[in-house]
Amino acid sequence: MQLYPKLILDALAKVRYPGNGKDLVANEMIEDDIRIDGNKVSFSIIFDKPTDPFIRSVVKAAETAILTFVSPEVNIKGNIAVKARQTARPNPENPLPDVKNIIAVSSAKGGVGKSTVTALIARRLASMGYSVGIMDADVTGPSVPAMFGIHGKVLSDENGIYPMVSQEGIKIISMNLLLDSEETPVIYRGPVVASIIKQFYSDVIWGNLDYLLIDMPPGTGDVPLTVYQSIPIDGVVMVTSPQNLVKMIVMKAVNMASKMSVPLLGIIENYSYFKCEDCGRIYEIFGKSTAEKLAKELNTTVIARIPIIPEVAQCEDKGIPVTQDIDMDLSNLL
């Protein structure tokens, strides 16, 4: 059959971009460079940024659409180029040049264990010799200090706020370290909470840090927006669990980070499975793992699949490190 550009565009109009549900043509993602040489077709797909999490899946869907709706004889494999519009967010100024890397730990879904994951990553980095800090950005539901056995109030003077330091040398700031009682509720509106987050970054005396981890709150509201807009985030780690319902909510956080041009460093699947100590049998209590599939869809890596380990909860209650080794690939963070 004879090929011409409109056939290609009609096929690509059937491919939806996961970020907003519109098709590639309506989204103006197909560059005006469709080239046809016999049965060979090549063109470019334009994404907002080179780190778009949907690049791989969109290119694959475009190839499939052309083979399905144009002809299975079309030579399209490997002929789709990827370009970026380069419309990144304004890069916030960094008032703390001694803080080398800033990484957010996010999810949008509550109860998946973001604080647990943040603590595990922080302790692993500290054990590798890096200087680490944690900003507990969950202002209305802070739990990080207790996980490190830290209680009481931080000190401050005209120079700023001095973070508490754990037994591993990890510097921590949290709303719970500013309250008279850890059980005092934080009843603030969004703008006040956003202002506190800015102070946690700029008014705390962090000193020299290799890594500052930000334990994000659930949702995609004022606090995550403030973090992404006012703090120079180097990347985000997404925390999920095997349930499809959780994946749906986590994708909101992924899409938010994508819109804010924050690179996705990888995903961590928490509550991935339970291994019986007596018989060694593995039980997938929350369903089969979706980590590898999700990572492939997002063009990223699986940092860890963390099982359900009773010792983790017990150690967090006591504010001590977990002795059981948990396999984590932190290469993307390093």
Protein backbone atom coordinates (compact mmCIF):
# COMPACT_ATOMS: atom_id res chain seq x y z
CA MET A 1 0.00 0.00 0.00
CA GLN A 2 1.04 3.61 -0.54
CA LEU A 3 1.99 5.47 2.62
CA TYR A 4 1.49 9.16 3.23
CA PRO A 5 1.68 11.42 6.33
CA LYS A 6 -2.07 11.64 7.00
CA LEU A 7 -2.28 7.86 7.43
CA ILE A 8 0.45 8.06 10.05
CA LEU A 9 -1.20 10.99 11.86
CA ASP A 10 -4.59 9.24 11.88
CA ALA A 11 -2.97 6.23 13.55
CA LEU A 12 -1.13 8.37 16.10
CA ALA A 13 -4.39 10.15 16.94
CA LYS A 14 -5.50 6.86 18.50
CA VAL A 15 -2.62 6.93 21.01
CA ARG A 16 -3.35 8.62 24.32
CA TYR A 17 -0.70 10.39 26.40
CA PRO A 18 -1.11 9.04 29.98
CA GLY A 19 -0.28 12.41 31.51
CA ASN A 20 -3.54 14.05 30.45
CA GLY A 21 -5.52 11.48 28.44
CA LYS A 22 -5.37 13.43 25.16
CA ASP A 23 -4.12 11.88 21.96
CA LEU A 24 -0.63 12.62 20.61
CA VAL A 25 -1.89 14.72 17.72
CA ALA A 26 -4.25 16.85 19.83
CA ASN A 27 -1.41 17.29 22.31
CA GLU A 28 0.80 18.60 19.46
CA MET A 29 3.39 15.98 20.36
CA ILE A 30 4.10 14.90 16.77
CA GLU A 31 6.73 17.06 15.12
CA ASP A 32 6.18 18.09 11.52
CA ASP A 33 8.97 15.86 10.25
CA ILE A 34 7.22 12.64 9.14
CA ARG A 35 9.52 10.97 6.61
CA ILE A 36 8.44 8.11 4.33
CA ASP A 37 10.91 6.09 2.29
CA GLY A 38 9.22 3.07 0.76
CA ASN A 39 7.79 1.18 3.73
CA LYS A 40 10.11 2.90 6.19
CA VAL A 41 8.48 5.58 8.34
CA SER A 42 10.26 7.89 10.80
CA PHE A 43 9.21 10.90 12.85
CA SER A 44 9.71 12.59 16.22
CA ILE A 45 7.54 12.66 19.35
CA ILE A 46 7.93 15.78 21.46
CA PHE A 47 7.73 15.56 25.26
CA ASP A 48 7.78 18.46 27.70
CA LYS A 49 11.06 17.27 29.18
CA PRO A 50 13.65 14.57 28.59
CA THR A 51 12.83 12.85 31.89
CA ASP A 52 9.13 12.34 31.10
CA PRO A 53 8.15 9.04 32.81
CA PHE A 54 5.93 7.97 29.88
CA ILE A 55 8.49 8.15 27.06
CA ARG A 56 9.00 4.41 26.74
CA SER A 57 5.31 3.47 26.91
CA VAL A 58 4.23 6.22 24.47
CA VAL A 59 6.86 5.27 21.88
CA LYS A 60 5.82 1.62 22.15
CA ALA A 61 2.14 2.56 21.79
CA ALA A 62 2.92 4.70 18.73
CA GLU A 63 4.75 1.80 17.06
CA THR A 64 1.84 -0.55 17.80
CA ALA A 65 -0.73 1.93 16.47
CA ILE A 66 1.07 2.31 13.14
CA LEU A 67 1.48 -1.43 12.70
CA THR A 68 -2.17 -1.99 13.63
CA PHE A 69 -3.98 0.87 11.88
CA VAL A 70 -1.67 1.53 8.90
CA SER A 71 0.00 -1.77 7.99
CA PRO A 72 1.96 -4.54 9.70
CA GLU A 73 4.48 -4.16 6.87
CA VAL A 74 5.54 -0.67 7.95
CA ASN A 75 9.18 -0.46 9.06
CA ILE A 76 8.76 1.65 12.21
CA LYS A 77 10.70 -0.17 14.95
CA GLY A 78 13.50 2.05 16.19
CA ASN A 79 12.58 4.90 13.83
CA ILE A 80 10.76 7.12 16.33
CA ALA A 81 12.94 9.90 17.72
CA VAL A 82 12.26 11.57 21.08
CA LYS A 83 12.65 15.30 21.60
CA ALA A 84 11.99 17.65 24.52
CA ARG A 85 10.33 21.05 24.51
CA GLN A 86 12.70 22.09 27.29
CA THR A 87 9.98 23.94 29.21
CA ALA A 88 11.26 23.06 32.66
CA ARG A 89 10.13 24.73 35.87
CA PRO A 90 12.12 27.74 37.03
CA ASN A 91 15.01 26.38 39.07
CA PRO A 92 14.66 27.68 42.64
CA GLU A 93 17.71 29.45 43.97
CA ASN A 94 19.70 27.35 46.40
CA PRO A 95 20.50 29.33 49.55
CA LEU A 96 22.25 26.26 50.97
CA PRO A 97 25.13 25.38 48.62
CA ASP A 98 26.56 23.05 51.28
CA VAL A 99 23.56 20.74 50.83
CA LYS A 100 24.68 18.75 47.81
CA ASN A 101 21.67 16.55 46.93
CA ILE A 102 18.01 17.02 47.84
CA ILE A 103 15.70 14.05 47.32
CA ALA A 104 11.97 13.89 48.00
CA VAL A 105 10.30 10.66 49.12
CA SER A 106 6.71 10.82 47.91
CA SER A 107 3.61 8.80 47.13
CA ALA A 108 0.38 10.87 47.33
CA LYS A 109 -1.12 7.81 49.07
CA GLY A 110 -1.16 7.76 52.85
CA GLY A 111 -0.17 4.65 54.76
CA VAL A 112 2.29 3.19 52.26
CA GLY A 113 5.27 3.79 54.55
CA LYS A 114 6.96 6.93 53.20
CA SER A 115 8.45 7.79 56.59
CA THR A 116 9.67 4.21 57.05
CA VAL A 117 11.29 4.28 53.61
CA THR A 118 12.83 7.70 54.28
CA ALA A 119 14.34 6.40 57.52
CA LEU A 120 15.67 3.25 55.83
CA ILE A 121 17.29 5.24 53.00
CA ALA A 122 18.77 7.76 55.45
CA ARG A 123 20.29 5.08 57.64
CA ARG A 124 21.66 3.21 54.61
CA LEU A 125 23.31 6.38 53.24
CA ALA A 126 24.71 7.22 56.68
CA SER A 127 26.17 3.70 56.97
CA MET A 128 27.91 4.30 53.63
CA GLY A 129 29.68 7.33 55.09
CA TYR A 130 27.47 10.10 53.71
CA SER A 131 26.27 13.04 55.81
CA VAL A 132 22.46 12.96 55.82
CA GLY A 133 19.58 15.13 56.93
CA ILE A 134 15.81 14.57 56.97
CA MET A 135 13.15 17.24 56.61
CA ASP A 136 9.84 15.88 57.89
CA ALA A 137 7.48 17.75 55.55
CA ASP A 138 4.41 15.96 56.89
CA VAL A 139 3.69 18.93 59.14
CA THR A 140 0.29 17.77 60.37
CA GLY A 141 1.29 14.12 60.86
CA PRO A 142 5.01 14.06 61.74
CA SER A 143 6.55 10.75 62.77
CA VAL A 144 10.21 10.83 61.71
CA PRO A 145 11.75 11.94 65.05
CA ALA A 146 10.17 9.06 66.97
CA MET A 147 11.60 6.57 64.46
CA PHE A 148 15.07 7.77 65.48
CA GLY A 149 14.36 7.92 69.20
CA ILE A 150 14.40 11.71 69.18
CA HIS A 151 12.10 13.67 71.50
CA GLY A 152 11.96 17.16 72.96
CA LYS A 153 12.31 20.55 71.29
CA VAL A 154 14.98 21.91 68.99
CA LEU A 155 17.14 24.86 69.98
CA SER A 156 17.32 28.11 68.05
CA ASP A 157 19.03 31.49 68.22
CA GLU A 158 19.59 34.49 65.99
CA ASN A 159 21.45 32.26 63.53
CA GLY A 160 18.56 29.91 62.96
CA ILE A 161 17.13 26.55 64.06
CA TYR A 162 19.45 23.73 65.05
CA PRO A 163 18.22 20.32 63.90
CA MET A 164 18.25 17.35 66.26
CA VAL A 165 20.88 14.71 65.54
CA SER A 166 20.24 10.95 65.77
CA GLN A 167 22.67 8.40 67.16
CA GLU A 168 23.77 7.71 63.56
CA GLY A 169 24.55 11.40 63.02
CA ILE A 170 21.45 12.10 60.89
CA LYS A 171 20.16 15.66 61.24
CA ILE A 172 16.37 15.92 61.60
CA ILE A 173 13.82 18.72 61.62
CA SER A 174 10.12 18.08 62.19
CA MET A 175 7.07 19.91 63.43
CA ASN A 176 7.01 17.55 66.42
CA LEU A 177 10.34 19.04 67.50
CA LEU A 178 8.72 22.48 67.77
CA LEU A 179 5.69 21.48 69.85
CA ASP A 180 5.38 21.43 73.65
CA SER A 181 3.80 17.97 73.37
CA GLU A 182 4.17 15.38 70.62
CA GLU A 183 0.41 14.79 70.78
CA THR A 184 -0.52 18.43 70.19
CA PRO A 185 -2.53 18.66 66.95
CA VAL A 186 -1.27 20.94 64.21
CA ILE A 187 -4.36 22.81 63.01
CA TYR A 188 -3.00 25.10 60.33
CA ARG A 189 -4.30 26.15 56.94
CA GLY A 190 -2.35 25.46 53.77
CA PRO A 191 -0.47 28.79 53.47
CA VAL A 192 0.82 28.52 57.05
CA VAL A 193 1.99 24.94 56.48
CA ALA A 194 3.70 26.03 53.26
CA SER A 195 5.50 28.80 55.15
CA ILE A 196 6.74 26.28 57.73
CA ILE A 197 8.18 24.09 54.95
CA LYS A 198 10.12 27.06 53.57
CA GLN A 199 11.50 27.75 57.05
CA PHE A 200 12.48 24.11 57.49
CA TYR A 201 14.72 24.53 54.47
CA SER A 202 16.09 28.05 54.72
CA ASP A 203 16.08 28.73 58.50
CA VAL A 204 17.47 25.41 59.71
CA ILE A 205 21.24 25.24 60.13
CA TRP A 206 21.85 22.11 58.09
CA GLY A 207 25.60 22.61 57.65
CA ASN A 208 27.38 20.33 55.18
CA LEU A 209 25.12 17.56 53.89
CA ASP A 210 25.65 15.04 51.12
CA TYR A 211 21.92 14.24 51.14
CA LEU A 212 18.83 15.99 52.43
CA LEU A 213 15.81 13.69 52.29
CA ILE A 214 12.34 15.24 52.36
CA ASP A 215 9.61 13.00 53.78
CA MET A 216 6.58 14.26 51.84
CA PRO A 217 3.00 14.23 53.14
CA PRO A 218 0.19 12.44 51.30
CA GLY A 219 -1.61 14.19 48.48
CA THR A 220 -0.67 16.68 45.78
CA GLY A 221 -1.68 19.89 47.55
CA ASP A 222 0.00 22.91 49.08
CA VAL A 223 2.95 21.20 50.75
CA PRO A 224 4.23 19.14 47.79
CA LEU A 225 3.69 22.16 45.54
CA THR A 226 5.67 24.36 47.92
CA VAL A 227 8.49 21.82 48.11
CA TYR A 228 8.77 21.51 44.33
CA GLN A 229 8.50 25.25 43.67
CA SER A 230 10.70 26.63 46.43
CA ILE A 231 13.34 23.95 47.05
CA PRO A 232 15.84 22.81 44.37
CA ILE A 233 14.84 19.13 44.35
CA ASP A 234 17.28 16.87 42.50
CA GLY A 235 14.88 13.94 42.22
CA VAL A 236 12.02 12.03 43.78
CA VAL A 237 11.62 8.45 44.98
CA MET A 238 8.08 7.09 44.75
CA VAL A 239 6.78 4.69 47.38
CA THR A 240 4.00 2.28 46.46
CA SER A 241 2.51 -1.08 47.44
CA PRO A 242 1.20 -3.97 45.32
CA GLN A 243 -2.47 -2.90 45.31
CA ASN A 244 -3.85 -1.43 42.07
CA LEU A 245 -5.77 1.16 44.09
CA VAL A 246 -2.50 2.41 45.56
CA LYS A 247 -0.91 2.54 42.11
CA MET A 248 -3.71 4.81 40.89
CA ILE A 249 -3.03 7.32 43.69
CA VAL A 250 0.75 7.06 43.36
CA MET A 251 0.44 7.97 39.68
CA LYS A 252 -0.98 11.32 40.79
CA ALA A 253 2.28 12.03 42.59
CA VAL A 254 4.27 10.78 39.58
CA ASN A 255 2.36 13.08 37.25
CA MET A 256 2.76 16.01 39.63
CA ALA A 257 6.53 15.51 39.79
CA SER A 258 6.58 15.22 36.00
CA LYS A 259 4.68 18.50 35.58
CA MET A 260 7.14 20.15 37.97
CA SER A 261 10.11 18.74 35.97
CA VAL A 262 11.42 16.76 38.94
CA PRO A 263 13.23 13.58 37.80
CA LEU A 264 11.90 10.23 39.00
CA LEU A 265 14.83 8.34 40.53
CA GLY A 266 13.02 5.05 41.07
CA ILE A 267 10.23 3.32 42.95
CA ILE A 268 10.15 1.39 46.20
CA GLU A 269 7.41 -1.15 46.74
CA ASN A 270 6.63 -1.45 50.44
CA TYR A 271 4.63 -4.33 51.98
CA SER A 272 5.68 -6.29 48.91
CA TYR A 273 5.37 -9.73 50.52
CA PHE A 274 5.70 -11.63 53.78
CA LYS A 275 8.21 -14.44 54.24
CA CYS A 276 7.39 -16.95 56.96
CA GLU A 277 10.37 -17.44 59.27
CA ASP A 278 9.30 -21.00 60.08
CA CYS A 279 8.72 -22.49 56.64
CA GLY A 280 10.29 -19.92 54.31
CA ARG A 281 7.11 -19.66 52.25
CA ILE A 282 6.36 -16.27 50.68
CA TYR A 283 2.85 -14.81 51.01
CA GLU A 284 1.79 -11.88 48.82
CA ILE A 285 -0.69 -10.44 51.28
CA PHE A 286 -1.57 -7.33 49.28
CA GLY A 287 -1.48 -9.06 45.91
CA LYS A 288 1.20 -9.84 43.37
CA SER A 289 4.01 -7.34 43.02
CA THR A 290 3.50 -4.63 40.41
CA ALA A 291 6.90 -3.01 40.95
CA GLU A 292 8.67 -4.23 37.81
CA LYS A 293 5.66 -3.50 35.59
CA LEU A 294 5.24 -0.01 37.04
CA ALA A 295 8.97 0.74 36.72
CA LYS A 296 8.87 -0.29 33.06
CA GLU A 297 5.85 1.92 32.41
CA LEU A 298 7.62 4.87 34.04
CA ASN A 299 10.98 4.18 32.41
CA THR A 300 12.67 3.94 35.80
CA THR A 301 14.13 1.32 38.16
CA VAL A 302 12.97 -0.62 41.21
CA ILE A 303 15.09 0.55 44.12
CA ALA A 304 13.67 -2.03 46.51
CA ARG A 305 10.85 -4.45 47.23
CA ILE A 306 10.50 -4.22 50.99
CA PRO A 307 8.75 -7.16 52.63
CA ILE A 308 6.51 -7.02 55.68
CA ILE A 309 9.00 -7.39 58.52
CA PRO A 310 7.66 -7.24 62.08
CA GLU A 311 11.09 -6.11 63.29
CA VAL A 312 10.76 -2.87 61.30
CA ALA A 313 7.69 -1.77 63.26
CA GLN A 314 9.22 -2.89 66.53
CA CYS A 315 12.45 -0.97 65.90
CA GLU A 316 10.56 2.15 64.81
CA ASP A 317 8.58 2.10 68.05
CA LYS A 318 11.86 1.92 69.97
CA GLY A 319 13.60 4.48 67.76
CA ILE A 320 16.46 2.13 66.89
CA PRO A 321 17.91 0.89 63.57
CA VAL A 322 16.58 -2.26 61.94
CA THR A 323 19.16 -5.02 62.25
CA GLN A 324 17.77 -7.15 59.41
CA ASP A 325 19.40 -6.30 56.07
CA ILE A 326 17.00 -4.89 53.48
CA ASP A 327 18.19 -5.03 49.89
CA MET A 328 18.12 -1.56 48.28
CA ASP A 329 19.75 -0.43 45.05
CA LEU A 330 20.60 3.22 45.69
CA SER A 331 22.71 3.65 42.55
CA ASN A 332 20.28 6.19 41.03
CA LEU A 333 20.51 8.29 44.18
CA LEU A 334 24.27 8.14 44.26
